[in-house]
N, C-alpha and C. Protein backbone atom coordinates (compact mmCIF):
# COMPACT_ATOMS: atom_id res chain seq x y z
N MET A 1 8.52 8.48 -1.35
CA MET A 1 7.72 7.22 -1.28
C MET A 1 8.60 6.02 -0.88
N THR A 2 8.07 5.23 0.19
CA THR A 2 8.91 4.25 0.76
C THR A 2 9.20 3.13 -0.21
N TYR A 3 8.23 3.02 -1.28
CA TYR A 3 8.48 1.83 -2.16
C TYR A 3 9.77 2.06 -2.96
N LEU A 4 10.22 3.20 -3.06
CA LEU A 4 11.56 3.56 -3.78
C LEU A 4 12.73 3.25 -2.92
N THR A 5 12.54 3.18 -1.60
CA THR A 5 13.70 2.98 -0.74
C THR A 5 13.74 1.51 -0.22
N GLY A 6 12.67 0.73 -0.47
CA GLY A 6 12.60 -0.66 -0.05
C GLY A 6 12.08 -0.82 1.35
N GLU A 7 11.64 0.15 1.93
CA GLU A 7 11.01 0.09 3.31
C GLU A 7 9.53 -0.36 3.24
N VAL A 8 9.26 -1.36 3.99
CA VAL A 8 7.78 -1.81 4.01
C VAL A 8 7.35 -1.96 5.43
N THR A 9 6.11 -1.73 5.69
CA THR A 9 5.55 -1.84 6.97
C THR A 9 4.44 -2.86 7.23
N VAL A 10 4.04 -3.48 6.06
CA VAL A 10 3.05 -4.54 6.17
C VAL A 10 3.44 -5.80 5.28
N ILE A 11 3.16 -6.94 5.74
CA ILE A 11 3.32 -8.26 4.91
C ILE A 11 1.91 -8.93 4.94
N HIS A 12 1.38 -9.06 3.76
CA HIS A 12 0.02 -9.64 3.65
C HIS A 12 0.17 -10.91 2.86
N ASP A 13 -0.58 -11.95 3.21
CA ASP A 13 -0.71 -13.08 2.29
C ASP A 13 -1.91 -12.89 1.45
N GLY A 14 -2.27 -13.89 0.69
CA GLY A 14 -3.39 -13.77 -0.24
C GLY A 14 -4.76 -13.50 0.45
N ASP A 15 -4.91 -14.04 1.70
CA ASP A 15 -6.17 -13.84 2.29
C ASP A 15 -6.32 -12.40 2.86
N SER A 16 -5.19 -11.67 3.12
CA SER A 16 -5.27 -10.36 3.69
C SER A 16 -4.91 -9.20 2.78
N VAL A 17 -4.57 -9.54 1.51
CA VAL A 17 -4.15 -8.44 0.63
C VAL A 17 -5.28 -7.50 0.38
N ASN A 18 -4.92 -6.19 0.27
CA ASN A 18 -5.90 -5.14 0.09
C ASN A 18 -5.32 -4.08 -0.76
N PHE A 19 -5.67 -4.07 -1.99
CA PHE A 19 -5.13 -3.09 -2.98
C PHE A 19 -5.75 -1.69 -2.84
N THR A 20 -6.82 -1.57 -2.08
CA THR A 20 -7.45 -0.24 -1.99
C THR A 20 -6.70 0.49 -0.80
N ALA A 21 -6.36 -0.21 0.23
CA ALA A 21 -5.74 0.52 1.40
C ALA A 21 -4.31 0.44 1.41
N PHE A 22 -3.58 -0.45 0.62
CA PHE A 22 -2.22 -0.54 0.68
C PHE A 22 -1.64 -0.47 -0.82
N THR A 23 -0.32 -0.12 -0.84
CA THR A 23 0.54 -0.26 -2.05
C THR A 23 1.57 -1.31 -1.80
N TYR A 24 1.55 -2.37 -2.59
CA TYR A 24 2.68 -3.36 -2.38
C TYR A 24 3.76 -3.15 -3.36
N SER A 25 4.94 -3.21 -2.82
CA SER A 25 6.20 -2.95 -3.60
C SER A 25 7.07 -4.17 -3.86
N ALA A 26 6.62 -5.28 -3.32
CA ALA A 26 7.36 -6.49 -3.54
C ALA A 26 6.42 -7.75 -3.35
N VAL A 27 6.92 -8.83 -3.90
CA VAL A 27 6.12 -10.09 -3.70
C VAL A 27 7.23 -11.12 -3.40
N TYR A 28 7.01 -11.88 -2.32
CA TYR A 28 7.97 -12.93 -1.80
C TYR A 28 7.37 -14.32 -1.95
N CYS A 29 8.03 -15.21 -2.47
CA CYS A 29 7.52 -16.62 -2.57
C CYS A 29 7.84 -17.29 -1.31
N ASN A 30 6.81 -17.96 -0.65
CA ASN A 30 6.86 -18.53 0.59
C ASN A 30 6.71 -20.06 0.53
N VAL A 31 6.89 -20.69 -0.68
CA VAL A 31 6.84 -22.11 -0.78
C VAL A 31 7.72 -22.66 -1.73
N ALA A 32 8.11 -23.89 -1.64
CA ALA A 32 9.03 -24.51 -2.60
C ALA A 32 8.54 -24.53 -3.98
N GLY A 33 9.13 -24.27 -4.91
CA GLY A 33 8.68 -24.10 -6.34
C GLY A 33 9.24 -25.15 -7.25
N PRO A 34 9.18 -24.82 -8.54
CA PRO A 34 8.72 -23.54 -9.03
C PRO A 34 7.21 -23.42 -9.06
N ILE A 35 6.61 -22.20 -8.57
CA ILE A 35 5.32 -21.89 -8.58
C ILE A 35 5.02 -20.77 -9.59
N THR A 36 3.97 -20.89 -10.35
CA THR A 36 3.71 -19.91 -11.41
C THR A 36 2.51 -19.12 -11.03
N PHE A 37 2.57 -17.76 -11.04
CA PHE A 37 1.57 -16.85 -10.66
C PHE A 37 1.56 -15.79 -11.75
N THR A 38 0.39 -15.00 -11.84
CA THR A 38 0.34 -13.84 -12.61
C THR A 38 0.50 -12.50 -11.72
N ILE A 39 1.52 -11.81 -12.09
CA ILE A 39 1.74 -10.43 -11.36
C ILE A 39 1.82 -9.41 -12.34
N ASN A 40 0.99 -8.30 -12.22
CA ASN A 40 0.94 -7.24 -13.18
C ASN A 40 0.76 -7.70 -14.71
N GLY A 41 -0.13 -8.77 -14.76
CA GLY A 41 -0.43 -9.20 -16.13
C GLY A 41 0.56 -10.22 -16.76
N SER A 42 1.72 -10.40 -16.03
CA SER A 42 2.73 -11.21 -16.64
C SER A 42 2.84 -12.60 -15.76
N THR A 43 3.00 -13.64 -16.44
CA THR A 43 3.20 -14.90 -15.81
C THR A 43 4.56 -15.06 -15.33
N VAL A 44 4.87 -15.24 -14.05
CA VAL A 44 6.19 -15.35 -13.61
C VAL A 44 6.32 -16.72 -12.73
N SER A 45 7.54 -17.28 -12.73
CA SER A 45 7.74 -18.46 -11.93
C SER A 45 8.70 -18.12 -10.82
N MET A 46 8.34 -18.63 -9.60
CA MET A 46 9.14 -18.24 -8.43
C MET A 46 9.46 -19.52 -7.70
N GLU A 47 10.65 -19.40 -7.01
CA GLU A 47 11.10 -20.46 -6.08
C GLU A 47 11.05 -19.97 -4.61
N LEU A 48 11.10 -20.77 -3.66
CA LEU A 48 11.17 -20.47 -2.32
C LEU A 48 12.28 -19.42 -2.02
N GLY A 49 11.92 -18.26 -1.39
CA GLY A 49 12.88 -17.28 -1.16
C GLY A 49 13.02 -16.17 -2.22
N ASP A 50 12.42 -16.35 -3.42
CA ASP A 50 12.50 -15.33 -4.45
C ASP A 50 11.73 -14.08 -4.05
N THR A 51 12.22 -13.01 -4.37
CA THR A 51 11.48 -11.78 -4.23
C THR A 51 11.51 -11.00 -5.51
N ILE A 52 10.35 -10.57 -5.85
CA ILE A 52 10.25 -9.59 -7.14
C ILE A 52 9.92 -8.27 -6.57
N GLU A 53 10.72 -7.30 -6.81
CA GLU A 53 10.51 -5.92 -6.35
C GLU A 53 9.87 -5.19 -7.46
N VAL A 54 8.49 -4.92 -7.38
CA VAL A 54 7.67 -4.31 -8.35
C VAL A 54 6.49 -3.75 -7.66
N VAL A 55 6.03 -2.59 -8.12
CA VAL A 55 4.78 -1.95 -7.61
C VAL A 55 3.69 -2.80 -8.19
N VAL A 56 3.01 -3.62 -7.32
CA VAL A 56 1.86 -4.54 -7.79
C VAL A 56 0.65 -3.78 -8.17
N ASP A 57 0.11 -4.06 -9.36
CA ASP A 57 -1.16 -3.62 -9.82
C ASP A 57 -2.21 -4.71 -9.45
N GLY A 58 -3.11 -4.28 -8.62
CA GLY A 58 -4.15 -5.24 -8.16
C GLY A 58 -5.09 -5.66 -9.16
N ASN A 59 -5.27 -4.81 -10.30
CA ASN A 59 -6.18 -5.10 -11.36
C ASN A 59 -5.61 -6.16 -12.23
N THR A 60 -4.22 -6.35 -12.32
CA THR A 60 -3.75 -7.33 -13.25
C THR A 60 -2.94 -8.46 -12.49
N THR A 61 -3.09 -8.66 -11.22
CA THR A 61 -2.48 -9.58 -10.44
C THR A 61 -3.48 -10.62 -9.96
N VAL A 62 -3.14 -11.91 -10.13
CA VAL A 62 -3.98 -12.93 -9.65
C VAL A 62 -3.56 -13.26 -8.18
N VAL A 63 -4.36 -13.06 -7.15
CA VAL A 63 -3.99 -13.23 -5.81
C VAL A 63 -4.35 -14.69 -5.44
N PRO A 64 -3.43 -15.51 -4.90
CA PRO A 64 -3.89 -16.84 -4.59
C PRO A 64 -4.83 -16.79 -3.34
N SER A 65 -5.65 -17.74 -3.31
CA SER A 65 -6.66 -17.94 -2.18
C SER A 65 -6.70 -19.33 -1.67
N GLY A 66 -7.46 -19.53 -0.59
CA GLY A 66 -7.53 -20.85 -0.05
C GLY A 66 -6.32 -21.56 0.45
N ALA A 67 -6.04 -22.74 0.08
CA ALA A 67 -4.87 -23.41 0.53
C ALA A 67 -3.57 -22.85 0.00
N PHE A 68 -3.63 -22.03 -1.08
CA PHE A 68 -2.48 -21.36 -1.72
C PHE A 68 -2.26 -19.93 -1.17
N ALA A 69 -3.14 -19.45 -0.28
CA ALA A 69 -3.08 -18.01 0.14
C ALA A 69 -1.71 -17.60 0.75
N ASN A 70 -1.06 -18.58 1.30
CA ASN A 70 0.25 -18.09 1.97
C ASN A 70 1.44 -18.40 1.08
N ASN A 71 1.24 -18.76 -0.16
CA ASN A 71 2.34 -19.00 -1.14
C ASN A 71 3.04 -17.75 -1.54
N LEU A 72 2.36 -16.72 -1.70
CA LEU A 72 2.89 -15.39 -1.96
C LEU A 72 2.75 -14.39 -0.89
N LEU A 73 3.67 -13.71 -0.47
CA LEU A 73 3.51 -12.64 0.56
C LEU A 73 3.75 -11.32 -0.14
N PHE A 74 2.86 -10.34 0.11
CA PHE A 74 2.85 -9.02 -0.47
C PHE A 74 3.39 -8.11 0.54
N LEU A 75 4.48 -7.41 0.22
CA LEU A 75 5.14 -6.47 1.13
C LEU A 75 4.84 -5.01 0.71
N GLY A 76 4.47 -4.18 1.63
CA GLY A 76 4.05 -2.88 1.14
C GLY A 76 3.89 -1.87 2.30
N ASN A 77 3.04 -0.79 2.04
CA ASN A 77 2.78 0.28 3.00
C ASN A 77 1.29 0.68 2.84
N PRO A 78 0.78 1.25 3.84
CA PRO A 78 -0.53 1.87 3.76
C PRO A 78 -0.59 2.97 2.76
N ASN A 79 -1.63 3.09 2.03
CA ASN A 79 -1.79 4.25 1.16
C ASN A 79 -1.89 5.53 1.87
N PRO A 80 -1.29 6.59 1.47
CA PRO A 80 -1.57 7.91 2.21
C PRO A 80 -3.03 8.35 2.02
N VAL A 81 -3.59 8.92 3.14
CA VAL A 81 -4.91 9.46 3.05
C VAL A 81 -4.91 10.76 2.14
N GLN A 82 -5.74 10.73 1.16
CA GLN A 82 -5.74 11.85 0.25
C GLN A 82 -6.92 12.87 0.59
N THR A 83 -6.67 13.52 1.73
CA THR A 83 -7.70 14.42 2.25
C THR A 83 -7.14 15.97 1.95
N GLU A 84 -8.07 16.68 1.31
CA GLU A 84 -7.75 18.13 0.96
C GLU A 84 -8.70 18.96 1.71
N PHE A 85 -8.17 20.07 2.36
CA PHE A 85 -8.90 20.95 2.99
C PHE A 85 -8.22 22.38 2.93
N ARG A 86 -8.87 23.38 2.93
CA ARG A 86 -8.39 24.73 2.91
C ARG A 86 -7.62 25.10 4.20
N THR A 87 -6.52 25.74 4.12
CA THR A 87 -5.77 26.12 5.35
C THR A 87 -5.56 27.71 5.22
N GLY A 88 -5.01 28.27 6.33
CA GLY A 88 -4.85 29.64 6.42
C GLY A 88 -6.13 30.36 6.86
N LEU A 89 -6.27 31.59 6.49
CA LEU A 89 -7.42 32.36 6.78
C LEU A 89 -8.69 31.92 6.14
N ILE A 90 -9.76 31.36 6.81
CA ILE A 90 -10.89 30.77 6.24
C ILE A 90 -12.11 31.67 6.40
N SER A 91 -12.03 32.68 7.35
CA SER A 91 -13.08 33.64 7.39
C SER A 91 -12.56 34.95 7.92
N GLY A 92 -13.08 36.02 7.42
CA GLY A 92 -12.70 37.33 7.82
C GLY A 92 -13.67 38.10 8.62
N GLY A 93 -13.68 39.30 8.46
CA GLY A 93 -14.71 40.18 9.25
C GLY A 93 -14.10 40.58 10.59
N THR A 94 -14.88 40.76 11.54
CA THR A 94 -14.42 41.16 12.96
C THR A 94 -13.65 40.06 13.63
N THR A 95 -14.10 38.78 13.40
CA THR A 95 -13.41 37.58 13.93
C THR A 95 -12.79 36.85 12.78
N GLU A 96 -11.48 36.80 12.78
CA GLU A 96 -10.77 36.00 11.82
C GLU A 96 -10.57 34.59 12.36
N VAL A 97 -10.77 33.60 11.45
CA VAL A 97 -10.65 32.21 11.79
C VAL A 97 -9.59 31.59 10.86
N TYR A 98 -8.57 30.99 11.44
CA TYR A 98 -7.52 30.35 10.69
C TYR A 98 -7.67 28.89 10.71
N ARG A 99 -7.33 28.14 9.78
CA ARG A 99 -7.20 26.66 9.79
C ARG A 99 -5.74 26.21 9.65
N PHE A 100 -5.35 25.39 10.55
CA PHE A 100 -4.00 24.85 10.49
C PHE A 100 -4.06 23.35 10.44
N VAL A 101 -3.01 22.71 10.11
CA VAL A 101 -2.86 21.22 10.12
C VAL A 101 -2.12 20.82 11.34
N ASN A 102 -2.81 19.85 12.16
CA ASN A 102 -2.15 19.26 13.29
C ASN A 102 -1.13 18.25 12.74
N ILE A 103 0.16 18.57 13.01
CA ILE A 103 1.20 17.72 12.51
C ILE A 103 1.32 16.41 13.09
N LYS A 104 0.68 16.20 14.22
CA LYS A 104 0.69 14.83 14.88
C LYS A 104 -0.41 13.86 14.23
N ASN A 105 -1.51 14.26 13.81
CA ASN A 105 -2.50 13.39 13.26
C ASN A 105 -2.97 13.88 11.85
N GLY A 106 -2.58 14.96 11.32
CA GLY A 106 -2.78 15.37 9.90
C GLY A 106 -4.23 15.89 9.75
N ASN A 107 -4.91 16.15 10.84
CA ASN A 107 -6.34 16.65 10.79
C ASN A 107 -6.27 18.23 10.80
N PRO A 108 -7.32 18.90 10.30
CA PRO A 108 -7.37 20.32 10.34
C PRO A 108 -7.74 20.78 11.74
N THR A 109 -7.21 21.94 12.17
CA THR A 109 -7.57 22.45 13.46
C THR A 109 -7.92 23.92 13.17
N ASP A 110 -9.05 24.32 13.61
CA ASP A 110 -9.48 25.81 13.52
C ASP A 110 -8.99 26.58 14.81
N GLY A 111 -8.65 27.76 14.62
CA GLY A 111 -8.26 28.60 15.80
C GLY A 111 -8.20 30.08 15.46
């Protein structure tokens, strides 16, 4: 998981944060402080340039909006698609059909 290595591919402000599609592994303060916010149910005070490296829980974090939307930047990555499908031999008989995973796009391919 990239949140363990510190790699991020997206930076969202309060207007574009999306806890369903992304996992955020850090929060960066983008305004002179001290500014107080609630992150993961805890009240924290941050100064300009401070970064808190934590997997952010969208249920217990208060995301700023309106004029304050760019005060916190959420750094993270898209959530992996959790698609399950059967692979290998999927039908027998006189014509055997196999299902494989296309490694370029992650979609199943029958052949």
